[in-house]
Amino acid sequence: MTSTIAAAATGPDWRERLRSAGLRVTQPRLAVLETVRESSHLAADQVCDRVRERIGTVSTQAVYDALNTLTDHQILRRIEPAGSAMLFEINAGDNHHHIVCRQCGAVADVDCAVGTMPCAVPQQTHGFVVEEAEVTYWGLCPDCASDPQRRSVEAT
């Protein structure tokens, strides 16, 4: 086991979290979890690159499989802002949403305005049982909003 993976195991107890979800503890899964913990809102290809930096040779398929499995078991959360690649974050079990910069694509977490899940219940559910609501706010990040050159690009 590399020292980086050993260090990952001393952060959040990923090993226990994987086992309690009925999953095997593998180097790619540990590396994916620690990578996403360190840098939230990464696209799959970014996770792949950083996992390779962390543990060396690992197939793209192994990283994608880990992302899918960890999402399926609700250890990771996948967000899909319109027009963007899927992004991944640790599923903290909280009720937060996201704000996305229309210009550069920066993403930040935003607390739910109401604070309980689900924070938005539609008047008509068509028989669905609502479990959560995803809200994405769109705008310009501080850097893009303060850069007149970036704003003029958006206006054209």
C-alpha atoms as a PDB file:
ATOM      1  CA  MET A   1       0.000   0.000   0.000  1.00  0.00           C
ATOM      2  CA  THR A   2       1.387   3.403  -0.944  1.00  0.00           C
ATOM      3  CA  SER A   3       1.826   6.041   1.719  1.00  0.00           C
ATOM      4  CA  THR A   4      -0.797   8.197  -0.043  1.00  0.00           C
ATOM      5  CA  ILE A   5      -3.392   5.451   0.229  1.00  0.00           C
ATOM      6  CA  ALA A   6      -2.400   4.840   3.845  1.00  0.00           C
ATOM      7  CA  ALA A   7      -2.880   8.553   4.483  1.00  0.00           C
ATOM      8  CA  ALA A   8      -6.301   8.418   2.825  1.00  0.00           C
ATOM      9  CA  ALA A   9      -7.335   5.700   5.235  1.00  0.00           C
ATOM     10  CA  THR A  10      -6.464   7.939   8.196  1.00  0.00           C
ATOM     11  CA  GLY A  11      -8.789  10.724   6.986  1.00  0.00           C
ATOM     12  CA  PRO A  12     -12.450   9.843   6.859  1.00  0.00           C
ATOM     13  CA  ASP A  13     -12.826   6.152   7.561  1.00  0.00           C
ATOM     14  CA  TRP A  14     -13.266   5.175   3.919  1.00  0.00           C
ATOM     15  CA  ARG A  15     -12.481   1.541   4.642  1.00  0.00           C
ATOM     16  CA  GLU A  16     -15.324   1.262   7.123  1.00  0.00           C
ATOM     17  CA  ARG A  17     -17.671   3.240   4.913  1.00  0.00           C
ATOM     18  CA  LEU A  18     -16.973   0.892   1.989  1.00  0.00           C
ATOM     19  CA  ARG A  19     -17.379  -2.220   4.108  1.00  0.00           C
ATOM     20  CA  SER A  20     -20.622  -0.992   5.669  1.00  0.00           C
ATOM     21  CA  ALA A  21     -21.965  -0.480   2.130  1.00  0.00           C
ATOM     22  CA  GLY A  22     -21.041  -4.090   1.337  1.00  0.00           C
ATOM     23  CA  LEU A  23     -18.174  -3.060  -0.943  1.00  0.00           C
ATOM     24  CA  ARG A  24     -14.645  -4.380  -1.159  1.00  0.00           C
ATOM     25  CA  VAL A  25     -11.881  -1.999  -0.141  1.00  0.00           C
ATOM     26  CA  THR A  26      -9.678  -1.426  -3.199  1.00  0.00           C
ATOM     27  CA  GLN A  27      -6.904   1.026  -4.008  1.00  0.00           C
ATOM     28  CA  PRO A  28      -8.867   2.668  -6.847  1.00  0.00           C
ATOM     29  CA  ARG A  29     -11.928   3.187  -4.616  1.00  0.00           C
ATOM     30  CA  LEU A  30      -9.847   4.649  -1.798  1.00  0.00           C
ATOM     31  CA  ALA A  31      -7.990   6.900  -4.243  1.00  0.00           C
ATOM     32  CA  VAL A  32     -11.245   8.077  -5.859  1.00  0.00           C
ATOM     33  CA  LEU A  33     -12.765   8.883  -2.469  1.00  0.00           C
ATOM     34  CA  GLU A  34      -9.748  10.798  -1.261  1.00  0.00           C
ATOM     35  CA  THR A  35      -9.416  12.658  -4.574  1.00  0.00           C
ATOM     36  CA  VAL A  36     -13.051  13.773  -4.514  1.00  0.00           C
ATOM     37  CA  ARG A  37     -12.785  14.672  -0.815  1.00  0.00           C
ATOM     38  CA  GLU A  38      -9.811  16.935  -1.548  1.00  0.00           C
ATOM     39  CA  SER A  39     -11.343  18.596  -4.632  1.00  0.00           C
ATOM     40  CA  SER A  40     -15.095  18.496  -4.914  1.00  0.00           C
ATOM     41  CA  HIS A  41     -17.012  19.044  -8.152  1.00  0.00           C
ATOM     42  CA  LEU A  42     -14.525  17.229 -10.385  1.00  0.00           C
ATOM     43  CA  ALA A  43     -15.476  15.682 -13.723  1.00  0.00           C
ATOM     44  CA  ALA A  44     -14.724  11.986 -14.218  1.00  0.00           C
ATOM     45  CA  ASP A  45     -11.681  12.651 -16.411  1.00  0.00           C
ATOM     46  CA  GLN A  46     -10.259  14.991 -13.759  1.00  0.00           C
ATOM     47  CA  VAL A  47     -10.788  12.322 -11.095  1.00  0.00           C
ATOM     48  CA  CYS A  48      -9.044   9.828 -13.377  1.00  0.00           C
ATOM     49  CA  ASP A  49      -5.992  12.074 -13.855  1.00  0.00           C
ATOM     50  CA  ARG A  50      -5.679  12.799 -10.134  1.00  0.00           C
ATOM     51  CA  VAL A  51      -6.139   9.158  -9.150  1.00  0.00           C
ATOM     52  CA  ARG A  52      -3.280   8.251 -11.516  1.00  0.00           C
ATOM     53  CA  GLU A  53      -1.099  10.921  -9.883  1.00  0.00           C
ATOM     54  CA  ARG A  54      -1.991   9.424  -6.518  1.00  0.00           C
ATOM     55  CA  ILE A  55      -1.527   5.680  -7.133  1.00  0.00           C
ATOM     56  CA  GLY A  56       0.133   5.352 -10.522  1.00  0.00           C
ATOM     57  CA  THR A  57      -1.196   3.035 -13.166  1.00  0.00           C
ATOM     58  CA  VAL A  58      -4.933   2.488 -13.045  1.00  0.00           C
ATOM     59  CA  SER A  59      -7.293   1.963 -15.955  1.00  0.00           C
ATOM     60  CA  THR A  60      -9.843   4.572 -16.900  1.00  0.00           C
ATOM     61  CA  GLN A  61     -12.470   1.838 -16.640  1.00  0.00           C
ATOM     62  CA  ALA A  62     -11.472   1.080 -13.020  1.00  0.00           C
ATOM     63  CA  VAL A  63     -11.913   4.739 -12.064  1.00  0.00           C
ATOM     64  CA  TYR A  64     -15.250   5.023 -13.900  1.00  0.00           C
ATOM     65  CA  ASP A  65     -16.425   1.776 -12.282  1.00  0.00           C
ATOM     66  CA  ALA A  66     -15.436   3.145  -8.870  1.00  0.00           C
ATOM     67  CA  LEU A  67     -17.275   6.426  -9.515  1.00  0.00           C
ATOM     68  CA  ASN A  68     -20.419   4.577 -10.601  1.00  0.00           C
ATOM     69  CA  THR A  69     -20.318   2.071  -7.739  1.00  0.00           C
ATOM     70  CA  LEU A  70     -19.657   4.738  -5.124  1.00  0.00           C
ATOM     71  CA  THR A  71     -22.503   6.838  -6.537  1.00  0.00           C
ATOM     72  CA  ASP A  72     -24.859   3.844  -6.663  1.00  0.00           C
ATOM     73  CA  HIS A  73     -24.092   3.187  -2.974  1.00  0.00           C
ATOM     74  CA  GLN A  74     -24.617   6.876  -2.112  1.00  0.00           C
ATOM     75  CA  ILE A  75     -21.059   7.429  -0.917  1.00  0.00           C
ATOM     76  CA  LEU A  76     -20.507   9.896  -3.752  1.00  0.00           C
ATOM     77  CA  ARG A  77     -23.054  12.253  -5.220  1.00  0.00           C
ATOM     78  CA  ARG A  78     -23.192  13.007  -8.939  1.00  0.00           C
ATOM     79  CA  ILE A  79     -24.355  16.432 -10.060  1.00  0.00           C
ATOM     80  CA  GLU A  80     -25.126  17.304 -13.659  1.00  0.00           C
ATOM     81  CA  PRO A  81     -25.422  21.044 -14.298  1.00  0.00           C
ATOM     82  CA  ALA A  82     -27.019  21.692 -17.704  1.00  0.00           C
ATOM     83  CA  GLY A  83     -24.408  21.872 -20.437  1.00  0.00           C
ATOM     84  CA  SER A  84     -21.653  20.526 -18.177  1.00  0.00           C
ATOM     85  CA  ALA A  85     -19.981  17.203 -17.620  1.00  0.00           C
ATOM     86  CA  MET A  86     -21.101  15.103 -14.651  1.00  0.00           C
ATOM     87  CA  LEU A  87     -19.359  16.293 -11.508  1.00  0.00           C
ATOM     88  CA  PHE A  88     -18.733  14.309  -8.338  1.00  0.00           C
ATOM     89  CA  GLU A  89     -18.682  15.195  -4.657  1.00  0.00           C
ATOM     90  CA  ILE A  90     -18.744  13.299  -1.383  1.00  0.00           C
ATOM     91  CA  ASN A  91     -22.319  12.553  -0.372  1.00  0.00           C
ATOM     92  CA  ALA A  92     -22.367  14.181   3.042  1.00  0.00           C
ATOM     93  CA  GLY A  93     -26.066  13.464   3.530  1.00  0.00           C
ATOM     94  CA  ASP A  94     -26.777  17.158   3.906  1.00  0.00           C
ATOM     95  CA  ASN A  95     -29.225  19.222   1.932  1.00  0.00           C
ATOM     96  CA  HIS A  96     -27.216  21.570  -0.243  1.00  0.00           C
ATOM     97  CA  HIS A  97     -27.485  22.825  -3.789  1.00  0.00           C
ATOM     98  CA  HIS A  98     -25.058  24.384  -6.255  1.00  0.00           C
ATOM     99  CA  ILE A  99     -24.301  27.686  -7.908  1.00  0.00           C
ATOM    100  CA  VAL A 100     -22.604  27.592 -11.315  1.00  0.00           C
ATOM    101  CA  CYS A 101     -20.797  30.355 -13.180  1.00  0.00           C
ATOM    102  CA  ARG A 102     -22.211  30.693 -16.698  1.00  0.00           C
ATOM    103  CA  GLN A 103     -18.883  32.005 -17.956  1.00  0.00           C
ATOM    104  CA  CYS A 104     -16.105  29.802 -16.536  1.00  0.00           C
ATOM    105  CA  GLY A 105     -18.106  26.873 -15.109  1.00  0.00           C
ATOM    106  CA  ALA A 106     -16.943  27.281 -11.506  1.00  0.00           C
ATOM    107  CA  VAL A 107     -19.220  25.427  -9.071  1.00  0.00           C
ATOM    108  CA  ALA A 108     -19.822  26.154  -5.385  1.00  0.00           C
ATOM    109  CA  ASP A 109     -22.069  24.618  -2.737  1.00  0.00           C
ATOM    110  CA  VAL A 110     -25.088  26.588  -1.514  1.00  0.00           C
ATOM    111  CA  ASP A 111     -27.109  25.720   1.589  1.00  0.00           C
ATOM    112  CA  CYS A 112     -30.776  24.974   1.115  1.00  0.00           C
ATOM    113  CA  ALA A 113     -32.914  28.041   1.800  1.00  0.00           C
ATOM    114  CA  VAL A 114     -35.360  26.044   3.931  1.00  0.00           C
ATOM    115  CA  GLY A 115     -32.971  23.532   5.457  1.00  0.00           C
ATOM    116  CA  THR A 116     -35.036  20.346   5.541  1.00  0.00           C
ATOM    117  CA  MET A 117     -35.236  17.593   2.969  1.00  0.00           C
ATOM    118  CA  PRO A 118     -36.764  17.881   0.563  1.00  0.00           C
ATOM    119  CA  CYS A 119     -36.546  21.647   0.544  1.00  0.00           C
ATOM    120  CA  ALA A 120     -38.924  22.034  -2.365  1.00  0.00           C
ATOM    121  CA  VAL A 121     -42.037  19.904  -2.684  1.00  0.00           C
ATOM    122  CA  PRO A 122     -44.091  20.430  -5.837  1.00  0.00           C
ATOM    123  CA  GLN A 123     -47.829  20.988  -5.608  1.00  0.00           C
ATOM    124  CA  GLN A 124     -48.416  18.021  -7.933  1.00  0.00           C
ATOM    125  CA  THR A 125     -46.220  14.939  -7.459  1.00  0.00           C
ATOM    126  CA  HIS A 126     -48.056  12.690  -9.952  1.00  0.00           C
ATOM    127  CA  GLY A 127     -47.837   9.909  -7.380  1.00  0.00           C
ATOM    128  CA  PHE A 128     -44.062  10.185  -6.917  1.00  0.00           C
ATOM    129  CA  VAL A 129     -42.591  10.077  -3.429  1.00  0.00           C
ATOM    130  CA  VAL A 130     -40.245  13.079  -3.356  1.00  0.00           C
ATOM    131  CA  GLU A 131     -36.918  12.223  -1.724  1.00  0.00           C
ATOM    132  CA  GLU A 132     -34.833  15.238  -2.609  1.00  0.00           C
ATOM    133  CA  ALA A 133     -34.797  18.371  -4.721  1.00  0.00           C
ATOM    134  CA  GLU A 134     -31.884  19.605  -6.801  1.00  0.00           C
ATOM    135  CA  VAL A 135     -31.592  23.321  -7.273  1.00  0.00           C
ATOM    136  CA  THR A 136     -28.925  24.874  -9.455  1.00  0.00           C
ATOM    137  CA  TYR A 137     -28.406  28.614  -9.303  1.00  0.00           C
ATOM    138  CA  TRP A 138     -26.741  30.223 -12.330  1.00  0.00           C
ATOM    139  CA  GLY A 139     -24.798  33.461 -12.498  1.00  0.00           C
ATOM    140  CA  LEU A 140     -21.283  34.820 -12.670  1.00  0.00           C
ATOM    141  CA  CYS A 141     -18.568  34.001 -10.150  1.00  0.00           C
ATOM    142  CA  PRO A 142     -16.763  36.980  -8.554  1.00  0.00           C
ATOM    143  CA  ASP A 143     -13.807  36.717 -10.977  1.00  0.00           C
ATOM    144  CA  CYS A 144     -15.996  36.671 -14.090  1.00  0.00           C
ATOM    145  CA  ALA A 145     -18.333  39.372 -12.766  1.00  0.00           C
ATOM    146  CA  SER A 146     -15.431  41.731 -12.057  1.00  0.00           C
ATOM    147  CA  ASP A 147     -13.604  41.144 -15.376  1.00  0.00           C
ATOM    148  CA  PRO A 148     -15.056  43.472 -18.047  1.00  0.00           C
ATOM    149  CA  GLN A 149     -13.338  41.457 -20.795  1.00  0.00           C
ATOM    150  CA  ARG A 150     -15.083  38.241 -19.700  1.00  0.00           C
ATOM    151  CA  ARG A 151     -18.436  40.001 -19.434  1.00  0.00           C
ATOM    152  CA  SER A 152     -18.093  41.451 -22.935  1.00  0.00           C
ATOM    153  CA  VAL A 153     -17.466  37.950 -24.311  1.00  0.00           C
ATOM    154  CA  GLU A 154     -20.726  36.812 -22.723  1.00  0.00           C
ATOM    155  CA  ALA A 155     -22.665  39.728 -24.240  1.00  0.00           C
ATOM    156  CA  THR A 156     -21.594  38.861 -27.813  1.00  0.00           C
END
